[in-house]
PDB file of N, CA and C in Angstrom:
ATOM      1  N   MET A   1      22.423  20.320 -17.316  1.00  0.00           N
ATOM      2  CA  MET A   1      23.854  20.188 -17.114  1.00  0.00           C
ATOM      3  C   MET A   1      24.359  18.876 -17.728  1.00  0.00           C
ATOM      4  N   ARG A   2      23.621  17.809 -17.504  1.00  0.00           N
ATOM      5  CA  ARG A   2      24.035  16.508 -18.031  1.00  0.00           C
ATOM      6  C   ARG A   2      24.129  16.545 -19.554  1.00  0.00           C
ATOM      7  N   GLN A   3      23.197  17.237 -20.194  1.00  0.00           N
ATOM      8  CA  GLN A   3      23.187  17.294 -21.659  1.00  0.00           C
ATOM      9  C   GLN A   3      24.443  17.960 -22.200  1.00  0.00           C
ATOM     10  N   ILE A   4      24.875  19.030 -21.556  1.00  0.00           N
ATOM     11  CA  ILE A   4      26.061  19.726 -22.068  1.00  0.00           C
ATOM     12  C   ILE A   4      27.312  18.871 -21.865  1.00  0.00           C
ATOM     13  N   VAL A   5      27.396  18.178 -20.733  1.00  0.00           N
ATOM     14  CA  VAL A   5      28.557  17.311 -20.492  1.00  0.00           C
ATOM     15  C   VAL A   5      28.584  16.179 -21.519  1.00  0.00           C
ATOM     16  N   GLU A   6      27.434  15.595 -21.789  1.00  0.00           N
ATOM     17  CA  GLU A   6      27.364  14.533 -22.799  1.00  0.00           C
ATOM     18  C   GLU A   6      27.737  15.058 -24.182  1.00  0.00           C
ATOM     19  N   LYS A   7      27.294  16.275 -24.504  1.00  0.00           N
ATOM     20  CA  LYS A   7      27.608  16.876 -25.809  1.00  0.00           C
ATOM     21  C   LYS A   7      29.110  17.144 -25.920  1.00  0.00           C
ATOM     22  N   ILE A   8      29.716  17.648 -24.848  1.00  0.00           N
ATOM     23  CA  ILE A   8      31.162  17.893 -24.851  1.00  0.00           C
ATOM     24  C   ILE A   8      31.911  16.589 -25.109  1.00  0.00           C
ATOM     25  N   ALA A   9      31.524  15.525 -24.418  1.00  0.00           N
ATOM     26  CA  ALA A   9      32.185  14.230 -24.603  1.00  0.00           C
ATOM     27  C   ALA A   9      31.986  13.708 -26.022  1.00  0.00           C
ATOM     28  N   GLN A  10      30.783  13.836 -26.544  1.00  0.00           N
ATOM     29  CA  GLN A  10      30.479  13.359 -27.898  1.00  0.00           C
ATOM     30  C   GLN A  10      31.317  14.094 -28.940  1.00  0.00           C
ATOM     31  N   VAL A  11      31.338  15.415 -28.856  1.00  0.00           N
ATOM     32  CA  VAL A  11      32.084  16.216 -29.832  1.00  0.00           C
ATOM     33  C   VAL A  11      33.587  15.966 -29.694  1.00  0.00           C
ATOM     34  N   ALA A  12      34.085  15.925 -28.460  1.00  0.00           N
ATOM     35  CA  ALA A  12      35.514  15.692 -28.243  1.00  0.00           C
ATOM     36  C   ALA A  12      35.938  14.329 -28.791  1.00  0.00           C
ATOM     37  N   ASN A  13      35.121  13.309 -28.570  1.00  0.00           N
ATOM     38  CA  ASN A  13      35.439  11.981 -29.109  1.00  0.00           C
ATOM     39  C   ASN A  13      35.455  11.981 -30.629  1.00  0.00           C
ATOM     40  N   ALA A  14      34.464  12.599 -31.243  1.00  0.00           N
ATOM     41  CA  ALA A  14      34.369  12.613 -32.706  1.00  0.00           C
ATOM     42  C   ALA A  14      35.524  13.397 -33.331  1.00  0.00           C
ATOM     43  N   VAL A  15      35.778  14.588 -32.810  1.00  0.00           N
ATOM     44  CA  VAL A  15      36.851  15.423 -33.359  1.00  0.00           C
ATOM     45  C   VAL A  15      38.206  14.774 -33.083  1.00  0.00           C
ATOM     46  N   GLY A  16      38.378  14.248 -31.886  1.00  0.00           N
ATOM     47  CA  GLY A  16      39.632  13.590 -31.538  1.00  0.00           C
ATOM     48  C   GLY A  16      39.935  12.408 -32.437  1.00  0.00           C
ATOM     49  N   TRP A  17      38.928  11.600 -32.709  1.00  0.00           N
ATOM     50  CA  TRP A  17      39.110  10.441 -33.586  1.00  0.00           C
ATOM     51  C   TRP A  17      39.515  10.897 -34.985  1.00  0.00           C
ATOM     52  N   GLN A  18      38.832  11.914 -35.506  1.00  0.00           N
ATOM     53  CA  GLN A  18      39.125  12.403 -36.857  1.00  0.00           C
ATOM     54  C   GLN A  18      40.499  13.057 -36.943  1.00  0.00           C
ATOM     55  N   ALA A  19      40.891  13.756 -35.879  1.00  0.00           N
ATOM     56  CA  ALA A  19      42.146  14.509 -35.902  1.00  0.00           C
ATOM     57  C   ALA A  19      43.335  13.721 -35.348  1.00  0.00           C
ATOM     58  N   GLY A  20      43.068  12.563 -34.763  1.00  0.00           N
ATOM     59  CA  GLY A  20      44.152  11.806 -34.149  1.00  0.00           C
ATOM     60  C   GLY A  20      44.682  12.466 -32.892  1.00  0.00           C
ATOM     61  N   GLU A  21      43.798  13.150 -32.178  1.00  0.00           N
ATOM     62  CA  GLU A  21      44.165  13.852 -30.948  1.00  0.00           C
ATOM     63  C   GLU A  21      43.376  13.273 -29.777  1.00  0.00           C
ATOM     64  N   PRO A  22      43.898  13.396 -28.549  1.00  0.00           N
ATOM     65  CA  PRO A  22      43.185  12.867 -27.392  1.00  0.00           C
ATOM     66  C   PRO A  22      41.884  13.635 -27.130  1.00  0.00           C
ATOM     67  N   ALA A  23      40.802  12.901 -26.964  1.00  0.00           N
ATOM     68  CA  ALA A  23      39.499  13.522 -26.719  1.00  0.00           C
ATOM     69  C   ALA A  23      39.485  14.313 -25.413  1.00  0.00           C
ATOM     70  N   MET A  24      40.238  13.853 -24.409  1.00  0.00           N
ATOM     71  CA  MET A  24      40.261  14.563 -23.135  1.00  0.00           C
ATOM     72  C   MET A  24      40.845  15.967 -23.303  1.00  0.00           C
ATOM     73  N   GLU A  25      41.861  16.102 -24.133  1.00  0.00           N
ATOM     74  CA  GLU A  25      42.441  17.421 -24.398  1.00  0.00           C
ATOM     75  C   GLU A  25      41.419  18.330 -25.084  1.00  0.00           C
ATOM     76  N   LEU A  26      40.706  17.778 -26.043  1.00  0.00           N
ATOM     77  CA  LEU A  26      39.715  18.567 -26.774  1.00  0.00           C
ATOM     78  C   LEU A  26      38.539  18.938 -25.882  1.00  0.00           C
ATOM     79  N   ALA A  27      38.134  18.033 -24.990  1.00  0.00           N
ATOM     80  CA  ALA A  27      37.056  18.347 -24.049  1.00  0.00           C
ATOM     81  C   ALA A  27      37.464  19.520 -23.163  1.00  0.00           C
ATOM     82  N   GLY A  28      38.713  19.530 -22.735  1.00  0.00           N
ATOM     83  CA  GLY A  28      39.213  20.651 -21.939  1.00  0.00           C
ATOM     84  C   GLY A  28      39.203  21.952 -22.715  1.00  0.00           C
ATOM     85  N   GLN A  29      39.527  21.879 -23.983  1.00  0.00           N
ATOM     86  CA  GLN A  29      39.507  23.068 -24.835  1.00  0.00           C
ATOM     87  C   GLN A  29      38.080  23.599 -24.973  1.00  0.00           C
ATOM     88  N   ILE A  30      37.128  22.699 -25.144  1.00  0.00           N
ATOM     89  CA  ILE A  30      35.725  23.104 -25.244  1.00  0.00           C
ATOM     90  C   ILE A  30      35.284  23.778 -23.945  1.00  0.00           C
ATOM     91  N   VAL A  31      35.584  23.155 -22.808  1.00  0.00           N
ATOM     92  CA  VAL A  31      35.211  23.721 -21.508  1.00  0.00           C
ATOM     93  C   VAL A  31      35.868  25.081 -21.310  1.00  0.00           C
ATOM     94  N   SER A  32      37.135  25.202 -21.672  1.00  0.00           N
ATOM     95  CA  SER A  32      37.864  26.454 -21.522  1.00  0.00           C
ATOM     96  C   SER A  32      37.180  27.594 -22.263  1.00  0.00           C
ATOM     97  N   VAL A  33      36.794  27.340 -23.501  1.00  0.00           N
ATOM     98  CA  VAL A  33      36.162  28.390 -24.310  1.00  0.00           C
ATOM     99  C   VAL A  33      34.748  28.680 -23.822  1.00  0.00           C
ATOM    100  N   LEU A  34      33.980  27.650 -23.505  1.00  0.00           N
ATOM    101  CA  LEU A  34      32.607  27.882 -23.054  1.00  0.00           C
ATOM    102  C   LEU A  34      32.566  28.567 -21.691  1.00  0.00           C
ATOM    103  N   ALA A  35      33.526  28.277 -20.815  1.00  0.00           N
ATOM    104  CA  ALA A  35      33.590  28.959 -19.518  1.00  0.00           C
ATOM    105  C   ALA A  35      33.897  30.442 -19.695  1.00  0.00           C
ATOM    106  N   ALA A  36      34.771  30.758 -20.639  1.00  0.00           N
ATOM    107  CA  ALA A  36      35.131  32.156 -20.896  1.00  0.00           C
ATOM    108  C   ALA A  36      34.072  32.887 -21.708  1.00  0.00           C
ATOM    109  N   ASN A  37      33.301  32.144 -22.479  1.00  0.00           N
ATOM    110  CA  ASN A  37      32.317  32.741 -23.395  1.00  0.00           C
ATOM    111  C   ASN A  37      31.000  31.962 -23.337  1.00  0.00           C
ATOM    112  N   PRO A  38      30.272  32.054 -22.228  1.00  0.00           N
ATOM    113  CA  PRO A  38      29.042  31.268 -22.094  1.00  0.00           C
ATOM    114  C   PRO A  38      27.984  31.579 -23.150  1.00  0.00           C
ATOM    115  N   GLU A  39      28.135  32.686 -23.826  1.00  0.00           N
ATOM    116  CA  GLU A  39      27.190  33.021 -24.900  1.00  0.00           C
ATOM    117  C   GLU A  39      27.262  32.021 -26.055  1.00  0.00           C
ATOM    118  N   HIS A  40      28.322  31.217 -26.107  1.00  0.00           N
ATOM    119  CA  HIS A  40      28.464  30.219 -27.174  1.00  0.00           C
ATOM    120  C   HIS A  40      27.836  28.866 -26.824  1.00  0.00           C
ATOM    121  N   ILE A  41      27.336  28.700 -25.611  1.00  0.00           N
ATOM    122  CA  ILE A  41      26.810  27.392 -25.188  1.00  0.00           C
ATOM    123  C   ILE A  41      25.647  26.943 -26.063  1.00  0.00           C
ATOM    124  N   GLU A  42      24.694  27.809 -26.280  1.00  0.00           N
ATOM    125  CA  GLU A  42      23.526  27.426 -27.082  1.00  0.00           C
ATOM    126  C   GLU A  42      23.941  27.021 -28.497  1.00  0.00           C
ATOM    127  N   ARG A  43      24.842  27.794 -29.077  1.00  0.00           N
ATOM    128  CA  ARG A  43      25.325  27.481 -30.424  1.00  0.00           C
ATOM    129  C   ARG A  43      26.083  26.154 -30.436  1.00  0.00           C
ATOM    130  N   PHE A  44      26.885  25.914 -29.401  1.00  0.00           N
ATOM    131  CA  PHE A  44      27.605  24.649 -29.304  1.00  0.00           C
ATOM    132  C   PHE A  44      26.633  23.477 -29.240  1.00  0.00           C
ATOM    133  N   MET A  45      25.569  23.635 -28.474  1.00  0.00           N
ATOM    134  CA  MET A  45      24.599  22.544 -28.327  1.00  0.00           C
ATOM    135  C   MET A  45      23.932  22.211 -29.659  1.00  0.00           C
ATOM    136  N   SER A  46      23.796  23.191 -30.531  1.00  0.00           N
ATOM    137  CA  SER A  46      23.165  22.916 -31.828  1.00  0.00           C
ATOM    138  C   SER A  46      24.176  22.607 -32.932  1.00  0.00           C
ATOM    139  N   ASP A  47      25.340  23.257 -32.907  1.00  0.00           N
ATOM    140  CA  ASP A  47      26.302  23.133 -34.008  1.00  0.00           C
ATOM    141  C   ASP A  47      27.506  22.243 -33.698  1.00  0.00           C
ATOM    142  N   GLY A  48      27.775  21.973 -32.445  1.00  0.00           N
ATOM    143  CA  GLY A  48      28.850  21.060 -32.049  1.00  0.00           C
ATOM    144  C   GLY A  48      30.213  21.395 -32.615  1.00  0.00           C
ATOM    145  N   ALA A  49      30.772  20.463 -33.361  1.00  0.00           N
ATOM    146  CA  ALA A  49      32.146  20.566 -33.865  1.00  0.00           C
ATOM    147  C   ALA A  49      32.366  21.739 -34.809  1.00  0.00           C
ATOM    148  N   GLU A  50      31.311  22.309 -35.345  1.00  0.00           N
ATOM    149  CA  GLU A  50      31.456  23.466 -36.241  1.00  0.00           C
ATOM    150  C   GLU A  50      32.247  24.589 -35.576  1.00  0.00           C
ATOM    151  N   LEU A  51      32.165  24.682 -34.247  1.00  0.00           N
ATOM    152  CA  LEU A  51      32.863  25.750 -33.544  1.00  0.00           C
ATOM    153  C   LEU A  51      34.381  25.578 -33.576  1.00  0.00           C
ATOM    154  N   PHE A  52      34.856  24.361 -33.847  1.00  0.00           N
ATOM    155  CA  PHE A  52      36.290  24.162 -34.089  1.00  0.00           C
ATOM    156  C   PHE A  52      36.650  24.713 -35.464  1.00  0.00           C
ATOM    157  N   LEU A  53      35.785  24.501 -36.425  1.00  0.00           N
ATOM    158  CA  LEU A  53      36.067  24.901 -37.808  1.00  0.00           C
ATOM    159  C   LEU A  53      36.077  26.411 -37.996  1.00  0.00           C
ATOM    160  N   ASP A  54      35.193  27.118 -37.287  1.00  0.00           N
ATOM    161  CA  ASP A  54      35.106  28.571 -37.492  1.00  0.00           C
ATOM    162  C   ASP A  54      36.028  29.370 -36.572  1.00  0.00           C
ATOM    163  N   GLY A  55      36.826  28.675 -35.742  1.00  0.00           N
ATOM    164  CA  GLY A  55      37.791  29.362 -34.887  1.00  0.00           C
ATOM    165  C   GLY A  55      37.282  29.719 -33.506  1.00  0.00           C
ATOM    166  N   THR A  56      36.012  29.477 -33.238  1.00  0.00           N
ATOM    167  CA  THR A  56      35.457  29.796 -31.919  1.00  0.00           C
ATOM    168  C   THR A  56      36.222  29.074 -30.820  1.00  0.00           C
ATOM    169  N   PHE A  57      36.584  27.811 -31.053  1.00  0.00           N
ATOM    170  CA  PHE A  57      37.258  27.015 -30.036  1.00  0.00           C
ATOM    171  C   PHE A  57      38.779  27.127 -30.088  1.00  0.00           C
ATOM    172  N   ASN A  58      39.320  28.149 -30.719  1.00  0.00           N
ATOM    173  CA  ASN A  58      40.767  28.366 -30.698  1.00  0.00           C
ATOM    174  C   ASN A  58      41.228  28.611 -29.261  1.00  0.00           C
ATOM    175  N   ALA A  59      42.430  28.201 -28.945  1.00  0.00           N
ATOM    176  CA  ALA A  59      42.962  28.291 -27.579  1.00  0.00           C
ATOM    177  C   ALA A  59      42.920  29.706 -27.018  1.00  0.00           C
ATOM    178  N   GLU A  60      43.135  30.707 -27.845  1.00  0.00           N
ATOM    179  CA  GLU A  60      43.161  32.084 -27.350  1.00  0.00           C
ATOM    180  C   GLU A  60      41.795  32.566 -26.864  1.00  0.00           C
ATOM    181  N   ASN A  61      40.745  31.854 -27.208  1.00  0.00           N
ATOM    182  CA  ASN A  61      39.401  32.247 -26.785  1.00  0.00           C
ATOM    183  C   ASN A  61      38.997  31.623 -25.459  1.00  0.00           C
ATOM    184  N   GLY A  62      39.877  30.843 -24.848  1.00  0.00           N
ATOM    185  CA  GLY A  62      39.551  30.150 -23.612  1.00  0.00           C
ATOM    186  C   GLY A  62      40.043  30.862 -22.366  1.00  0.00           C
ATOM    187  N   CYS A  63      39.884  30.156 -21.225  1.00  0.00           N
ATOM    188  CA  CYS A  63      40.311  30.708 -19.939  1.00  0.00           C
ATOM    189  C   CYS A  63      41.254  29.774 -19.185  1.00  0.00           C
ATOM    190  N   LEU A  64      41.500  28.581 -19.718  1.00  0.00           N
ATOM    191  CA  LEU A  64      42.380  27.612 -19.064  1.00  0.00           C
ATOM    192  C   LEU A  64      43.728  27.550 -19.777  1.00  0.00           C
ATOM    193  N   THR A  65      44.761  27.212 -19.025  1.00  0.00           N
ATOM    194  CA  THR A  65      46.076  27.056 -19.643  1.00  0.00           C
ATOM    195  C   THR A  65      46.052  25.876 -20.610  1.00  0.00           C
ATOM    196  N   TYR A  66      46.995  25.893 -21.526  1.00  0.00           N
ATOM    197  CA  TYR A  66      47.084  24.829 -22.534  1.00  0.00           C
ATOM    198  C   TYR A  66      48.554  24.558 -22.820  1.00  0.00           C
ATOM    199  N   ARG A  67      48.838  23.398 -23.417  1.00  0.00           N
ATOM    200  CA  ARG A  67      50.213  23.051 -23.774  1.00  0.00           C
ATOM    201  C   ARG A  67      50.458  23.462 -25.220  1.00  0.00           C
ATOM    202  N   SER A  68      51.486  24.268 -25.423  1.00  0.00           N
ATOM    203  CA  SER A  68      51.828  24.721 -26.770  1.00  0.00           C
ATOM    204  C   SER A  68      52.484  23.594 -27.556  1.00  0.00           C
ATOM    205  N   ILE A  69      52.636  23.799 -28.842  1.00  0.00           N
ATOM    206  CA  ILE A  69      53.306  22.815 -29.690  1.00  0.00           C
ATOM    207  C   ILE A  69      54.724  22.554 -29.185  1.00  0.00           C
ATOM    208  N   GLY A  70      55.366  23.580 -28.633  1.00  0.00           N
ATOM    209  CA  GLY A  70      56.719  23.440 -28.102  1.00  0.00           C
ATOM    210  C   GLY A  70      56.784  22.795 -26.727  1.00  0.00           C
ATOM    211  N   GLY A  71      55.623  22.505 -26.127  1.00  0.00           N
ATOM    212  CA  GLY A  71      55.588  21.837 -24.832  1.00  0.00           C
ATOM    213  C   GLY A  71      55.414  22.747 -23.636  1.00  0.00           C
ATOM    214  N   ASP A  72      55.397  24.057 -23.858  1.00  0.00           N
ATOM    215  CA  ASP A  72      55.206  24.993 -22.753  1.00  0.00           C
ATOM    216  C   ASP A  72      53.738  25.043 -22.352  1.00  0.00           C
ATOM    217  N   VAL A  73      53.485  25.279 -21.064  1.00  0.00           N
ATOM    218  CA  VAL A  73      52.125  25.493 -20.584  1.00  0.00           C
ATOM    219  C   VAL A  73      51.899  27.001 -20.573  1.00  0.00           C
ATOM    220  N   LEU A  74      50.923  27.443 -21.351  1.00  0.00           N
ATOM    221  CA  LEU A  74      50.680  28.870 -21.538  1.00  0.00           C
ATOM    222  C   LEU A  74      49.256  29.250 -21.163  1.00  0.00           C
ATOM    223  N   SER A  75      49.093  30.501 -20.829  1.00  0.00           N
ATOM    224  CA  SER A  75      47.768  31.062 -20.583  1.00  0.00           C
ATOM    225  C   SER A  75      47.224  31.609 -21.896  1.00  0.00           C
ATOM    226  N   PRO A  76      45.927  31.489 -22.126  1.00  0.00           N
ATOM    227  CA  PRO A  76      45.359  32.070 -23.343  1.00  0.00           C
ATOM    228  C   PRO A  76      45.621  33.575 -23.452  1.00  0.00           C
ATOM    229  N   SER A  77      45.778  34.250 -22.312  1.00  0.00           N
ATOM    230  CA  SER A  77      46.039  35.691 -22.354  1.00  0.00           C
ATOM    231  C   SER A  77      47.369  35.991 -23.041  1.00  0.00           C
ATOM    232  N   VAL A  78      48.350  35.102 -22.915  1.00  0.00           N
ATOM    233  CA  VAL A  78      49.640  35.278 -23.594  1.00  0.00           C
ATOM    234  C   VAL A  78      49.438  35.208 -25.104  1.00  0.00           C
ATOM    235  N   LEU A  79      48.667  34.242 -25.548  1.00  0.00           N
ATOM    236  CA  LEU A  79      48.396  34.090 -26.975  1.00  0.00           C
ATOM    237  C   LEU A  79      47.582  35.271 -27.499  1.00  0.00           C
ATOM    238  N   ARG A  80      46.594  35.716 -26.712  1.00  0.00           N
ATOM    239  CA  ARG A  80      45.804  36.887 -27.124  1.00  0.00           C
ATOM    240  C   ARG A  80      46.697  38.111 -27.274  1.00  0.00           C
ATOM    241  N   ALA A  81      47.614  38.302 -26.333  1.00  0.00           N
ATOM    242  CA  ALA A  81      48.525  39.447 -26.401  1.00  0.00           C
ATOM    243  C   ALA A  81      49.394  39.378 -27.648  1.00  0.00           C
ATOM    244  N   LYS A  82      49.888  38.178 -27.970  1.00  0.00           N
ATOM    245  CA  LYS A  82      50.712  38.017 -29.169  1.00  0.00           C
ATOM    246  C   LYS A  82      49.922  38.302 -30.434  1.00  0.00           C
ATOM    247  N   LYS A  83      48.631  38.014 -30.404  1.00  0.00           N
ATOM    248  CA  LYS A  83      47.782  38.240 -31.575  1.00  0.00           C
ATOM    249  C   LYS A  83      47.128  39.617 -31.554  1.00  0.00           C
ATOM    250  N   GLY A  84      47.404  40.402 -30.497  1.00  0.00           N
ATOM    251  CA  GLY A  84      46.823  41.734 -30.398  1.00  0.00           C
ATOM    252  C   GLY A  84      45.337  41.725 -30.092  1.00  0.00           C
ATOM    253  N   MET A  85      44.895  40.710 -29.362  1.00  0.00           N
ATOM    254  CA  MET A  85      43.479  40.576 -29.026  1.00  0.00           C
ATOM    255  C   MET A  85      43.250  40.978 -27.573  1.00  0.00           C
ATOM    256  N   GLN A  86      42.000  41.279 -27.250  1.00  0.00           N
ATOM    257  CA  GLN A  86      41.606  41.560 -25.873  1.00  0.00           C
ATOM    258  C   GLN A  86      40.556  40.557 -25.443  1.00  0.00           C
ATOM    259  N   GLN A  87      40.449  40.366 -24.129  1.00  0.00           N
ATOM    260  CA  GLN A  87      39.350  39.584 -23.552  1.00  0.00           C
ATOM    261  C   GLN A  87      39.363  39.728 -22.080  1.00  0.00           C
TER     262      GLN A  87
END
């Protein structure tokens, strides 16, 4: 458990620094997606930030609410519905 938490913090800090975004927000995004899709945990532990690049960590793949660009707090299910996705 400790290893995954450390990996989440490491990846969130690195991606946040590169993107100019808060690491805490990115850590939440990682947790949201991994909680909804635990099958990605092993891949995350080996590939880390790559999951942001390939779309795995997109907001619609998670289970926690997020703040949209417009400032609204939305559920990933709303975004999935708009994109015609299921989960």
